[in-house]
Each structure stands twice: as structure tokens, then as C-alpha cells.
Amino acid sequence: MPQKYRITGMAEMPPDPIGIALRKGETELRDAIQKAVDELKAEGVLRDLQVKWFGDAAGQ
């Protein structure tokens, strides 16, 4: 049976926006999550994870 298709590489896809759902009024939890994300960004951890899993850090 002849091959009709071939894989040529990974398609470039823009990162999808993500979010975390919180109950309305959960400002303490929201602030704690934001602080953690900001720290991970400052330390370069988020960039490293994006490069590892998506091969690119352009979305940071």
C-alpha cells in the first residue's frame, strides 16, 4: 500500500491564553497566585518551562 501522507514537522501554533478560575471575591487567593506567577517569571522558571514544552519563549 503506497504512503499517501508524510510528516514534515511540527506546526507552529500560537500559545493559547490560559487562566485560573476562582470564586468571586477570592482576592487573597488571587493575590497569592499572582505573586507566585510573578516570582516564577522573575526567576526565569516560566520561560524555561515554555522552552522545554513548546520550544519557544516568545510568549513570555
Protein backbone atom coordinates (compact mmCIF):
# COMPACT_ATOMS: atom_id res chain seq x y z
CA MET A 1 0.00 0.00 0.00
CA PRO A 2 1.61 3.30 -1.03
CA GLN A 3 2.02 6.02 1.57
CA LYS A 4 -0.31 8.91 0.86
CA TYR A 5 0.87 11.15 3.68
CA ARG A 6 4.16 12.10 5.24
CA ILE A 7 5.03 14.02 8.38
CA THR A 8 7.04 17.14 7.58
CA GLY A 9 7.48 18.65 11.04
CA MET A 10 5.65 20.31 13.87
CA ALA A 11 3.21 23.08 13.05
CA GLU A 12 3.86 26.45 14.64
CA MET A 13 0.91 27.25 16.85
CA PRO A 14 0.37 30.39 18.89
CA PRO A 15 0.09 29.81 22.63
CA ASP A 16 -3.47 29.63 23.88
CA PRO A 17 -4.41 32.05 26.64
CA ILE A 18 -4.87 30.30 29.95
CA GLY A 19 -6.48 31.24 33.21
CA ILE A 20 -7.37 30.00 36.65
CA ALA A 21 -11.00 30.11 37.78
CA LEU A 22 -11.59 31.48 41.26
CA ARG A 23 -14.73 32.18 43.22
CA LYS A 24 -15.75 35.83 43.03
CA GLY A 25 -14.24 37.73 45.94
CA GLU A 26 -11.29 35.34 46.45
CA THR A 27 -8.84 38.23 46.44
CA GLU A 28 -6.41 36.65 48.92
CA LEU A 29 -6.04 33.50 46.82
CA ARG A 30 -5.87 35.55 43.60
CA ASP A 31 -3.09 37.70 45.03
CA ALA A 32 -1.15 34.64 46.27
CA ILE A 33 -1.35 33.01 42.83
CA GLN A 34 -0.30 36.22 41.10
CA LYS A 35 2.65 36.61 43.48
CA ALA A 36 3.79 33.04 42.75
CA VAL A 37 3.50 33.56 38.99
CA ASP A 38 5.42 36.84 39.20
CA GLU A 39 8.20 35.12 41.17
CA LEU A 40 8.42 32.27 38.65
CA LYS A 41 8.66 34.80 35.83
CA ALA A 42 11.36 36.80 37.62
CA GLU A 43 13.41 33.64 38.26
CA GLY A 44 13.10 32.52 34.63
CA VAL A 45 11.27 29.32 35.55
CA LEU A 46 8.23 30.05 33.35
CA ARG A 47 10.48 30.80 30.38
CA ASP A 48 12.42 27.56 30.91
CA LEU A 49 9.19 25.54 31.07
CA GLN A 50 7.86 27.15 27.91
CA VAL A 51 11.09 26.40 26.05
CA LYS A 52 11.07 22.80 27.33
CA TRP A 53 7.46 22.06 26.41
CA PHE A 54 6.79 24.40 23.47
CA GLY A 55 10.28 25.04 22.09
CA ASP A 56 9.98 28.80 22.22
CA ALA A 57 9.84 31.56 24.81
CA ALA A 58 8.26 34.23 22.61
CA GLY A 59 5.02 34.18 24.59
CA GLN A 60 6.65 35.37 27.80
